[in-house]
Amino acid sequence: MDSIFAGVGAIGALFYLILILLWITVPIFVFLISKRVKNIRDMGIEYRKEIKELNASVKYLKRKYNESIDIPKE
């Protein structure tokens, strides 16, 4: 065996193969996870804005309803 793995044996070659696979796959998974986290964060910000808008609409409707009740009918 005149290859690069001749001096490290079968266990060492397997270890190096696993390191090479991790070297390739870990950055891909980190990229995909960070992309997903950013997407979830953006959705949270968007939902928070929508909830604030809905709360403002509910307050407006409550105020209008209370004003309509307070007006005495003659």
PDB file of N, CA and C in Angstrom:
ATOM      1  N   MET A   1       0.843  -1.183   0.000  1.00  0.00           N
ATOM      2  CA  MET A   1       0.000   0.000   0.000  1.00  0.00           C
ATOM      3  C   MET A   1       0.884   1.240   0.000  1.00  0.00           C
ATOM      4  N   ASP A   2       0.950   1.868  -1.111  1.00  0.00           N
ATOM      5  CA  ASP A   2       1.741   3.086  -1.210  1.00  0.00           C
ATOM      6  C   ASP A   2       0.832   4.306  -1.267  1.00  0.00           C
ATOM      7  N   SER A   3      -0.225   4.284  -0.512  1.00  0.00           N
ATOM      8  CA  SER A   3      -1.134   5.425  -0.508  1.00  0.00           C
ATOM      9  C   SER A   3      -0.866   6.304   0.697  1.00  0.00           C
ATOM     10  N   ILE A   4      -1.622   7.353   0.795  1.00  0.00           N
ATOM     11  CA  ILE A   4      -1.453   8.292   1.907  1.00  0.00           C
ATOM     12  C   ILE A   4      -1.871   7.665   3.239  1.00  0.00           C
ATOM     13  N   PHE A   5      -2.754   6.667   3.179  1.00  0.00           N
ATOM     14  CA  PHE A   5      -3.258   6.035   4.390  1.00  0.00           C
ATOM     15  C   PHE A   5      -2.441   4.814   4.817  1.00  0.00           C
ATOM     16  N   ALA A   6      -1.355   4.514   4.153  1.00  0.00           N
ATOM     17  CA  ALA A   6      -0.578   3.310   4.452  1.00  0.00           C
ATOM     18  C   ALA A   6       0.006   3.346   5.858  1.00  0.00           C
ATOM     19  N   GLY A   7       0.389   4.502   6.347  1.00  0.00           N
ATOM     20  CA  GLY A   7       1.019   4.579   7.656  1.00  0.00           C
ATOM     21  C   GLY A   7       0.044   4.629   8.808  1.00  0.00           C
ATOM     22  N   VAL A   8      -1.234   4.889   8.560  1.00  0.00           N
ATOM     23  CA  VAL A   8      -2.171   5.062   9.662  1.00  0.00           C
ATOM     24  C   VAL A   8      -3.062   3.860   9.892  1.00  0.00           C
ATOM     25  N   GLY A   9      -3.116   2.937   9.002  1.00  0.00           N
ATOM     26  CA  GLY A   9      -3.924   1.740   9.186  1.00  0.00           C
ATOM     27  C   GLY A   9      -5.375   1.955   8.816  1.00  0.00           C
ATOM     28  N   ALA A  10      -6.163   0.906   8.960  1.00  0.00           N
ATOM     29  CA  ALA A  10      -7.569   0.939   8.554  1.00  0.00           C
ATOM     30  C   ALA A  10      -8.390   1.853   9.459  1.00  0.00           C
ATOM     31  N   ILE A  11      -8.136   1.810  10.761  1.00  0.00           N
ATOM     32  CA  ILE A  11      -8.883   2.650  11.695  1.00  0.00           C
ATOM     33  C   ILE A  11      -8.572   4.127  11.432  1.00  0.00           C
ATOM     34  N   GLY A  12      -7.315   4.430  11.206  1.00  0.00           N
ATOM     35  CA  GLY A  12      -6.917   5.802  10.911  1.00  0.00           C
ATOM     36  C   GLY A  12      -7.515   6.295   9.608  1.00  0.00           C
ATOM     37  N   ALA A  13      -7.549   5.414   8.610  1.00  0.00           N
ATOM     38  CA  ALA A  13      -8.134   5.786   7.318  1.00  0.00           C
ATOM     39  C   ALA A  13      -9.627   6.062   7.484  1.00  0.00           C
ATOM     40  N   LEU A  14     -10.284   5.245   8.268  1.00  0.00           N
ATOM     41  CA  LEU A  14     -11.708   5.465   8.518  1.00  0.00           C
ATOM     42  C   LEU A  14     -11.930   6.775   9.259  1.00  0.00           C
ATOM     43  N   PHE A  15     -11.063   7.064  10.228  1.00  0.00           N
ATOM     44  CA  PHE A  15     -11.148   8.321  10.965  1.00  0.00           C
ATOM     45  C   PHE A  15     -10.965   9.512  10.033  1.00  0.00           C
ATOM     46  N   TYR A  16      -9.961   9.439   9.157  1.00  0.00           N
ATOM     47  CA  TYR A  16      -9.747  10.529   8.197  1.00  0.00           C
ATOM     48  C   TYR A  16     -10.924  10.673   7.234  1.00  0.00           C
ATOM     49  N   LEU A  17     -11.514   9.583   6.833  1.00  0.00           N
ATOM     50  CA  LEU A  17     -12.678   9.625   5.940  1.00  0.00           C
ATOM     51  C   LEU A  17     -13.852  10.304   6.635  1.00  0.00           C
ATOM     52  N   ILE A  18     -14.062   9.997   7.895  1.00  0.00           N
ATOM     53  CA  ILE A  18     -15.137  10.646   8.659  1.00  0.00           C
ATOM     54  C   ILE A  18     -14.852  12.132   8.815  1.00  0.00           C
ATOM     55  N   LEU A  19     -13.609  12.498   9.073  1.00  0.00           N
ATOM     56  CA  LEU A  19     -13.260  13.919   9.170  1.00  0.00           C
ATOM     57  C   LEU A  19     -13.523  14.657   7.862  1.00  0.00           C
ATOM     58  N   ILE A  20     -13.187  14.027   6.752  1.00  0.00           N
ATOM     59  CA  ILE A  20     -13.426  14.651   5.445  1.00  0.00           C
ATOM     60  C   ILE A  20     -14.917  14.839   5.211  1.00  0.00           C
ATOM     61  N   LEU A  21     -15.715  13.827   5.549  1.00  0.00           N
ATOM     62  CA  LEU A  21     -17.170  13.947   5.376  1.00  0.00           C
ATOM     63  C   LEU A  21     -17.746  15.048   6.264  1.00  0.00           C
ATOM     64  N   LEU A  22     -17.267  15.130   7.499  1.00  0.00           N
ATOM     65  CA  LEU A  22     -17.737  16.186   8.395  1.00  0.00           C
ATOM     66  C   LEU A  22     -17.295  17.559   7.901  1.00  0.00           C
ATOM     67  N   TRP A  23     -16.098  17.646   7.360  1.00  0.00           N
ATOM     68  CA  TRP A  23     -15.568  18.909   6.842  1.00  0.00           C
ATOM     69  C   TRP A  23     -16.470  19.449   5.728  1.00  0.00           C
ATOM     70  N   ILE A  24     -17.079  18.543   4.981  1.00  0.00           N
ATOM     71  CA  ILE A  24     -17.961  18.953   3.876  1.00  0.00           C
ATOM     72  C   ILE A  24     -19.379  19.231   4.371  1.00  0.00           C
ATOM     73  N   THR A  25     -19.923  18.361   5.213  1.00  0.00           N
ATOM     74  CA  THR A  25     -21.343  18.443   5.562  1.00  0.00           C
ATOM     75  C   THR A  25     -21.664  19.460   6.659  1.00  0.00           C
ATOM     76  N   VAL A  26     -20.792  19.642   7.624  1.00  0.00           N
ATOM     77  CA  VAL A  26     -21.092  20.544   8.739  1.00  0.00           C
ATOM     78  C   VAL A  26     -21.334  21.980   8.267  1.00  0.00           C
ATOM     79  N   PRO A  27     -20.490  22.559   7.410  1.00  0.00           N
ATOM     80  CA  PRO A  27     -20.792  23.921   6.940  1.00  0.00           C
ATOM     81  C   PRO A  27     -22.113  24.033   6.187  1.00  0.00           C
ATOM     82  N   ILE A  28     -22.467  22.986   5.450  1.00  0.00           N
ATOM     83  CA  ILE A  28     -23.750  23.004   4.730  1.00  0.00           C
ATOM     84  C   ILE A  28     -24.903  23.047   5.726  1.00  0.00           C
ATOM     85  N   PHE A  29     -24.838  22.215   6.764  1.00  0.00           N
ATOM     86  CA  PHE A  29     -25.904  22.205   7.762  1.00  0.00           C
ATOM     87  C   PHE A  29     -25.951  23.504   8.554  1.00  0.00           C
ATOM     88  N   VAL A  30     -24.804  24.075   8.853  1.00  0.00           N
ATOM     89  CA  VAL A  30     -24.779  25.355   9.563  1.00  0.00           C
ATOM     90  C   VAL A  30     -25.431  26.430   8.710  1.00  0.00           C
ATOM     91  N   PHE A  31     -25.123  26.449   7.426  1.00  0.00           N
ATOM     92  CA  PHE A  31     -25.731  27.421   6.515  1.00  0.00           C
ATOM     93  C   PHE A  31     -27.245  27.239   6.454  1.00  0.00           C
ATOM     94  N   LEU A  32     -27.700  26.006   6.313  1.00  0.00           N
ATOM     95  CA  LEU A  32     -29.141  25.753   6.210  1.00  0.00           C
ATOM     96  C   LEU A  32     -29.863  26.115   7.505  1.00  0.00           C
ATOM     97  N   ILE A  33     -29.276  25.789   8.637  1.00  0.00           N
ATOM     98  CA  ILE A  33     -29.898  26.110   9.923  1.00  0.00           C
ATOM     99  C   ILE A  33     -29.945  27.615  10.137  1.00  0.00           C
ATOM    100  N   SER A  34     -28.864  28.325   9.813  1.00  0.00           N
ATOM    101  CA  SER A  34     -28.864  29.779   9.990  1.00  0.00           C
ATOM    102  C   SER A  34     -29.867  30.444   9.061  1.00  0.00           C
ATOM    103  N   LYS A  35     -30.018  29.920   7.865  1.00  0.00           N
ATOM    104  CA  LYS A  35     -31.008  30.462   6.929  1.00  0.00           C
ATOM    105  C   LYS A  35     -32.423  30.265   7.479  1.00  0.00           C
ATOM    106  N   ARG A  36     -32.694  29.106   8.034  1.00  0.00           N
ATOM    107  CA  ARG A  36     -34.008  28.819   8.609  1.00  0.00           C
ATOM    108  C   ARG A  36     -34.284  29.699   9.828  1.00  0.00           C
ATOM    109  N   VAL A  37     -33.275  29.898  10.674  1.00  0.00           N
ATOM    110  CA  VAL A  37     -33.442  30.736  11.861  1.00  0.00           C
ATOM    111  C   VAL A  37     -33.741  32.178  11.456  1.00  0.00           C
ATOM    112  N   LYS A  38     -33.053  32.685  10.447  1.00  0.00           N
ATOM    113  CA  LYS A  38     -33.332  34.037   9.955  1.00  0.00           C
ATOM    114  C   LYS A  38     -34.754  34.136   9.420  1.00  0.00           C
ATOM    115  N   ASN A  39     -35.204  33.106   8.732  1.00  0.00           N
ATOM    116  CA  ASN A  39     -36.566  33.086   8.195  1.00  0.00           C
ATOM    117  C   ASN A  39     -37.590  33.114   9.334  1.00  0.00           C
ATOM    118  N   ILE A  40     -37.364  32.327  10.367  1.00  0.00           N
ATOM    119  CA  ILE A  40     -38.279  32.290  11.513  1.00  0.00           C
ATOM    120  C   ILE A  40     -38.273  33.641  12.234  1.00  0.00           C
ATOM    121  N   ARG A  41     -37.091  34.257  12.380  1.00  0.00           N
ATOM    122  CA  ARG A  41     -36.997  35.570  13.015  1.00  0.00           C
ATOM    123  C   ARG A  41     -37.779  36.622  12.223  1.00  0.00           C
ATOM    124  N   ASP A  42     -37.641  36.594  10.900  1.00  0.00           N
ATOM    125  CA  ASP A  42     -38.371  37.546  10.059  1.00  0.00           C
ATOM    126  C   ASP A  42     -39.884  37.337  10.153  1.00  0.00           C
ATOM    127  N   MET A  43     -40.309  36.073  10.242  1.00  0.00           N
ATOM    128  CA  MET A  43     -41.734  35.794  10.405  1.00  0.00           C
ATOM    129  C   MET A  43     -42.230  36.328  11.747  1.00  0.00           C
ATOM    130  N   GLY A  44     -41.438  36.181  12.794  1.00  0.00           N
ATOM    131  CA  GLY A  44     -41.817  36.699  14.112  1.00  0.00           C
ATOM    132  C   GLY A  44     -41.971  38.207  14.095  1.00  0.00           C
ATOM    133  N   ILE A  45     -41.062  38.894  13.439  1.00  0.00           N
ATOM    134  CA  ILE A  45     -41.149  40.355  13.339  1.00  0.00           C
ATOM    135  C   ILE A  45     -42.398  40.757  12.557  1.00  0.00           C
ATOM    136  N   GLU A  46     -42.672  40.033  11.483  1.00  0.00           N
ATOM    137  CA  GLU A  46     -43.852  40.327  10.667  1.00  0.00           C
ATOM    138  C   GLU A  46     -45.146  40.091  11.454  1.00  0.00           C
ATOM    139  N   TYR A  47     -45.194  38.988  12.187  1.00  0.00           N
ATOM    140  CA  TYR A  47     -46.388  38.684  12.977  1.00  0.00           C
ATOM    141  C   TYR A  47     -46.588  39.708  14.091  1.00  0.00           C
ATOM    142  N   ARG A  48     -45.483  40.160  14.685  1.00  0.00           N
ATOM    143  CA  ARG A  48     -45.584  41.161  15.742  1.00  0.00           C
ATOM    144  C   ARG A  48     -46.198  42.450  15.201  1.00  0.00           C
ATOM    145  N   LYS A  49     -45.808  42.847  13.993  1.00  0.00           N
ATOM    146  CA  LYS A  49     -46.384  44.042  13.373  1.00  0.00           C
ATOM    147  C   LYS A  49     -47.880  43.851  13.107  1.00  0.00           C
ATOM    148  N   GLU A  50     -48.259  42.673  12.629  1.00  0.00           N
ATOM    149  CA  GLU A  50     -49.666  42.399  12.357  1.00  0.00           C
ATOM    150  C   GLU A  50     -50.484  42.402  13.645  1.00  0.00           C
ATOM    151  N   ILE A  51     -49.925  41.852  14.710  1.00  0.00           N
ATOM    152  CA  ILE A  51     -50.632  41.835  15.996  1.00  0.00           C
ATOM    153  C   ILE A  51     -50.826  43.247  16.518  1.00  0.00           C
ATOM    154  N   LYS A  52     -49.815  44.108  16.372  1.00  0.00           N
ATOM    155  CA  LYS A  52     -49.965  45.494  16.796  1.00  0.00           C
ATOM    156  C   LYS A  52     -51.070  46.182  15.999  1.00  0.00           C
ATOM    157  N   GLU A  53     -51.125  45.907  14.709  1.00  0.00           N
ATOM    158  CA  GLU A  53     -52.163  46.498  13.869  1.00  0.00           C
ATOM    159  C   GLU A  53     -53.549  46.005  14.286  1.00  0.00           C
ATOM    160  N   LEU A  54     -53.662  44.717  14.581  1.00  0.00           N
ATOM    161  CA  LEU A  54     -54.942  44.168  15.029  1.00  0.00           C
ATOM    162  C   LEU A  54     -55.354  44.761  16.374  1.00  0.00           C
ATOM    163  N   ASN A  55     -54.406  44.932  17.285  1.00  0.00           N
ATOM    164  CA  ASN A  55     -54.713  45.525  18.581  1.00  0.00           C
ATOM    165  C   ASN A  55     -55.203  46.961  18.420  1.00  0.00           C
ATOM    166  N   ALA A  56     -54.574  47.701  17.511  1.00  0.00           N
ATOM    167  CA  ALA A  56     -55.013  49.070  17.258  1.00  0.00           C
ATOM    168  C   ALA A  56     -56.431  49.082  16.684  1.00  0.00           C
ATOM    169  N   SER A  57     -56.747  48.142  15.819  1.00  0.00           N
ATOM    170  CA  SER A  57     -58.094  48.065  15.243  1.00  0.00           C
ATOM    171  C   SER A  57     -59.123  47.728  16.320  1.00  0.00           C
ATOM    172  N   VAL A  58     -58.774  46.811  17.208  1.00  0.00           N
ATOM    173  CA  VAL A  58     -59.689  46.436  18.285  1.00  0.00           C
ATOM    174  C   VAL A  58     -59.928  47.620  19.215  1.00  0.00           C
ATOM    175  N   LYS A  59     -58.876  48.355  19.548  1.00  0.00           N
ATOM    176  CA  LYS A  59     -59.038  49.536  20.407  1.00  0.00           C
ATOM    177  C   LYS A  59     -59.936  50.577  19.731  1.00  0.00           C
ATOM    178  N   TYR A  60     -59.760  50.784  18.440  1.00  0.00           N
ATOM    179  CA  TYR A  60     -60.580  51.729  17.697  1.00  0.00           C
ATOM    180  C   TYR A  60     -62.048  51.294  17.721  1.00  0.00           C
ATOM    181  N   LEU A  61     -62.282  50.004  17.482  1.00  0.00           N
ATOM    182  CA  LEU A  61     -63.660  49.505  17.477  1.00  0.00           C
ATOM    183  C   LEU A  61     -64.295  49.607  18.861  1.00  0.00           C
ATOM    184  N   LYS A  62     -63.521  49.327  19.920  1.00  0.00           N
ATOM    185  CA  LYS A  62     -64.048  49.465  21.282  1.00  0.00           C
ATOM    186  C   LYS A  62     -64.425  50.916  21.575  1.00  0.00           C
ATOM    187  N   ARG A  63     -63.551  51.841  21.155  1.00  0.00           N
ATOM    188  CA  ARG A  63     -63.824  53.252  21.376  1.00  0.00           C
ATOM    189  C   ARG A  63     -65.090  53.681  20.643  1.00  0.00           C
ATOM    190  N   LYS A  64     -65.237  53.264  19.397  1.00  0.00           N
ATOM    191  CA  LYS A  64     -66.434  53.610  18.620  1.00  0.00           C
ATOM    192  C   LYS A  64     -67.690  53.014  19.253  1.00  0.00           C
ATOM    193  N   TYR A  65     -67.576  51.774  19.728  1.00  0.00           N
ATOM    194  CA  TYR A  65     -68.715  51.119  20.355  1.00  0.00           C
ATOM    195  C   TYR A  65     -69.104  51.853  21.640  1.00  0.00           C
ATOM    196  N   ASN A  66     -68.109  52.200  22.457  1.00  0.00           N
ATOM    197  CA  ASN A  66     -68.400  52.920  23.705  1.00  0.00           C
ATOM    198  C   ASN A  66     -68.990  54.301  23.432  1.00  0.00           C
ATOM    199  N   GLU A  67     -68.529  54.968  22.382  1.00  0.00           N
ATOM    200  CA  GLU A  67     -69.087  56.262  22.025  1.00  0.00           C
ATOM    201  C   GLU A  67     -70.533  56.138  21.572  1.00  0.00           C
ATOM    202  N   SER A  68     -70.848  55.079  20.865  1.00  0.00           N
ATOM    203  CA  SER A  68     -72.217  54.887  20.392  1.00  0.00           C
ATOM    204  C   SER A  68     -73.167  54.550  21.556  1.00  0.00           C
ATOM    205  N   ILE A  69     -72.674  53.917  22.586  1.00  0.00           N
ATOM    206  CA  ILE A  69     -73.499  53.600  23.747  1.00  0.00           C
ATOM    207  C   ILE A  69     -73.700  54.855  24.606  1.00  0.00           C
ATOM    208  N   ASP A  70     -72.677  55.693  24.725  1.00  0.00           N
ATOM    209  CA  ASP A  70     -72.732  56.874  25.580  1.00  0.00           C
ATOM    210  C   ASP A  70     -73.662  57.957  25.052  1.00  0.00           C
ATOM    211  N   ILE A  71     -73.954  57.957  23.797  1.00  0.00           N
ATOM    212  CA  ILE A  71     -74.826  59.002  23.243  1.00  0.00           C
ATOM    213  C   ILE A  71     -76.264  58.714  23.653  1.00  0.00           C
ATOM    214  N   PRO A  72     -76.852  59.641  24.405  1.00  0.00           N
ATOM    215  CA  PRO A  72     -78.261  59.414  24.816  1.00  0.00           C
ATOM    216  C   PRO A  72     -79.192  59.640  23.631  1.00  0.00           C
ATOM    217  N   LYS A  73     -80.178  58.787  23.536  1.00  0.00           N
ATOM    218  CA  LYS A  73     -81.140  58.892  22.442  1.00  0.00           C
ATOM    219  C   LYS A  73     -82.364  59.626  22.961  1.00  0.00           C
ATOM    220  N   GLU A  74     -82.772  60.627  22.231  1.00  0.00           N
ATOM    221  CA  GLU A  74     -83.919  61.429  22.659  1.00  0.00           C
ATOM    222  C   GLU A  74     -85.150  61.128  21.851  1.00  0.00           C
TER     223      GLU A  74
END
